[in-house]
Protein backbone atom coordinates (compact mmCIF):
# COMPACT_ATOMS: atom_id res chain seq x y z
CA UNK A 1 63.01 17.84 -16.57
CA UNK A 2 62.93 18.74 -12.67
CA UNK A 3 61.30 22.02 -13.90
CA UNK A 4 58.64 20.93 -15.75
CA UNK A 5 57.84 18.45 -13.62
CA UNK A 6 57.73 20.82 -10.99
CA UNK A 7 55.55 23.29 -12.82
CA UNK A 8 52.84 20.61 -14.36
CA UNK A 9 52.30 19.56 -10.79
CA UNK A 10 51.58 23.43 -9.57
CA UNK A 11 49.69 24.31 -12.45
CA UNK A 12 47.32 21.01 -11.79
CA UNK A 13 47.19 22.59 -7.96
CA UNK A 14 46.13 25.79 -9.22
CA UNK A 15 43.64 24.31 -11.48
CA UNK A 16 42.27 22.09 -8.69
CA UNK A 17 41.97 25.34 -5.53
CA UNK A 18 40.23 27.30 -8.77
CA UNK A 19 37.60 24.47 -9.27
CA UNK A 20 36.90 24.09 -5.86
CA UNK A 21 36.35 27.75 -4.84
CA UNK A 22 33.98 28.52 -8.00
CA UNK A 23 31.89 25.69 -7.36
CA UNK A 24 30.62 27.04 -3.14
CA UNK A 25 27.94 28.31 -3.14
CA UNK A 26 27.75 32.20 -2.40
CA UNK A 27 25.92 33.25 0.78
CA UNK A 28 23.24 35.52 -0.68
CA UNK A 29 22.38 32.78 -2.43
CA UNK A 30 21.95 30.74 -0.08
CA UNK A 31 20.40 33.30 1.81
CA UNK A 32 17.82 33.56 -1.72
CA UNK A 33 16.62 29.88 -1.87
CA UNK A 34 16.55 29.54 1.48
CA UNK A 35 13.73 32.18 1.46
CA UNK A 36 12.66 30.51 -1.91
CA UNK A 37 11.75 27.18 -0.76
CA UNK A 38 9.85 28.24 2.73
CA UNK A 39 7.86 30.53 0.59
CA UNK A 40 7.39 28.63 -1.92
CA UNK A 41 5.36 26.23 0.21
CA UNK A 42 3.44 28.86 2.18
CA UNK A 43 0.62 28.92 0.00
CA UNK A 44 -0.22 25.22 0.40
CA UNK A 45 0.71 25.33 4.21
CA UNK A 46 -1.37 28.25 4.80
CA UNK A 47 -4.45 26.97 2.62
CA UNK A 48 -4.61 24.00 4.94
CA UNK A 49 -3.97 25.64 7.91
CA UNK A 50 -6.62 28.29 6.85
CA UNK A 51 -8.94 24.84 6.04
CA UNK A 52 -8.78 23.72 9.06
CA UNK A 53 -8.59 26.26 11.10
CA UNK A 54 -9.68 29.31 9.33
CA UNK A 55 -7.82 33.11 10.96
CA UNK A 56 -6.31 31.35 13.43
CA UNK A 57 -4.42 28.23 11.19
CA UNK A 58 -3.13 31.14 9.08
CA UNK A 59 -1.77 32.96 11.42
CA UNK A 60 -0.17 29.55 13.39
CA UNK A 61 1.08 28.54 9.64
CA UNK A 62 2.80 32.81 8.87
CA UNK A 63 4.03 32.29 12.31
CA UNK A 64 5.56 29.10 11.74
CA UNK A 65 7.02 29.60 8.66
CA UNK A 66 8.90 32.97 10.23
CA UNK A 67 10.24 31.07 13.24
CA UNK A 68 11.46 28.63 10.48
CA UNK A 69 12.65 30.96 8.32
CA UNK A 70 14.43 33.46 10.32
CA UNK A 71 16.23 30.18 12.49
CA UNK A 72 17.63 28.79 8.83
CA UNK A 73 18.88 32.16 8.35
CA UNK A 74 20.79 32.86 11.48
CA UNK A 75 21.51 28.92 11.47
CA UNK A 76 23.15 29.07 7.85
CA UNK A 77 25.30 32.22 9.05
CA UNK A 78 28.18 29.88 10.67
CA UNK A 79 28.50 27.74 7.45
CA UNK A 80 29.11 30.95 6.20
CA UNK A 81 31.60 32.04 8.61
CA UNK A 82 34.31 29.35 8.43
CA UNK A 83 33.95 28.37 4.87
CA UNK A 84 37.44 29.50 4.08
CA UNK A 85 39.15 28.45 7.53
CA UNK A 86 42.44 26.51 7.62
CA UNK A 87 41.20 24.01 10.35
CA UNK A 88 38.95 21.46 8.50
CA UNK A 89 37.09 20.48 11.91
CA UNK A 90 35.88 24.38 12.20
CA UNK A 91 33.56 23.49 9.21
CA UNK A 92 31.68 20.73 11.65
CA UNK A 93 31.44 22.90 14.47
CA UNK A 94 30.29 25.26 12.24
CA UNK A 95 27.44 22.60 11.02
CA UNK A 96 26.12 21.68 14.72
CA UNK A 97 26.56 25.09 15.75
CA UNK A 98 24.30 25.95 12.94
CA UNK A 99 21.98 22.87 13.79
CA UNK A 100 21.37 23.99 17.18
CA UNK A 101 20.42 27.42 16.04
CA UNK A 102 17.86 26.24 13.46
CA UNK A 103 16.37 23.68 15.90
CA UNK A 104 15.93 26.54 19.29
CA UNK A 105 14.71 29.15 17.67
CA UNK A 106 11.18 27.31 15.81
CA UNK A 107 10.83 24.98 18.94
CA UNK A 108 11.41 27.38 21.55
CA UNK A 109 9.31 30.33 19.43
CA UNK A 110 7.00 27.86 18.58
CA UNK A 111 6.37 26.03 22.44
CA UNK A 112 5.98 30.07 23.72
CA UNK A 113 3.50 30.16 21.96
CA UNK A 114 1.60 27.70 22.37
CA UNK A 115 1.86 27.99 25.86
CA UNK A 116 1.00 31.56 25.85
CA UNK A 117 -1.36 31.88 23.31
CA UNK A 118 -4.27 29.77 23.81
CA UNK A 119 -5.90 30.53 20.05
CA UNK A 120 -2.39 29.18 18.12
CA UNK A 121 -2.25 26.77 20.62
CA UNK A 122 -5.98 25.26 19.15
CA UNK A 123 -4.42 26.22 15.96
CA UNK A 124 -2.03 23.05 16.22
CA UNK A 125 1.08 25.83 15.88
CA UNK A 126 3.67 23.00 17.14
CA UNK A 127 2.41 21.11 14.13
CA UNK A 128 2.91 23.55 11.46
CA UNK A 129 6.41 24.73 13.05
CA UNK A 130 7.68 20.82 12.98
CA UNK A 131 6.20 20.47 9.11
CA UNK A 132 8.12 23.57 8.21
CA UNK A 133 11.11 22.89 9.99
CA UNK A 134 11.41 19.85 8.29
CA UNK A 135 11.71 21.68 5.51
CA UNK A 136 13.94 23.93 6.22
CA UNK A 137 16.43 21.31 7.38
CA UNK A 138 16.92 19.58 4.12
CA UNK A 139 16.92 22.85 2.87
CA UNK A 140 19.13 24.32 5.06
CA UNK A 141 21.31 20.58 5.56
CA UNK A 142 22.35 20.70 1.73
CA UNK A 143 22.71 24.36 2.20
CA UNK A 144 25.24 23.78 4.59
CA UNK A 145 27.24 20.87 3.07
CA UNK A 146 27.69 22.85 0.01
CA UNK A 147 29.19 25.83 1.49
CA UNK A 148 31.49 24.19 4.20
CA UNK A 149 33.67 21.52 1.65
CA UNK A 150 34.31 18.21 2.45
CA UNK A 151 37.92 18.69 2.64
CA UNK A 152 40.61 20.89 0.94
CA UNK A 153 42.27 20.04 -1.52
CA UNK A 154 45.93 18.91 -0.34
CA UNK A 155 48.57 22.26 -1.78
CA UNK A 156 52.26 20.74 -1.98
CA UNK A 157 54.44 23.66 -2.15
């Protein structure tokens, strides 16, 4: 009787662990989603930039998009690296490090270009960087939470 109960409990644990592993996002899918979303909004934002500031506005939008894309791709890597970690607090640390990277690359690059290139400053590169950053922040936060599990199921051995 006790062997039968143990077998049923182990089967339930195996199914739970397997279902958690299959619902998590693959790293290449995260990179693809980031690229598609940021690339998908590019024509609209580039049109606005070109309409208001001509070629300098288009260049500002393009640079802002690239800065935010690079920050997003590099910022999601810590979450990918710790997704199978045995320590649950590592997921929180990975998300926080990713947020720091995701924020510092676009704003650091945008601020540097705003200070050093007058045409980009006139074309409001920091405004376009902020617009792209907000879009990237939403996408990356959702992806990081899907990659890093909130809690792992308890496995009784």
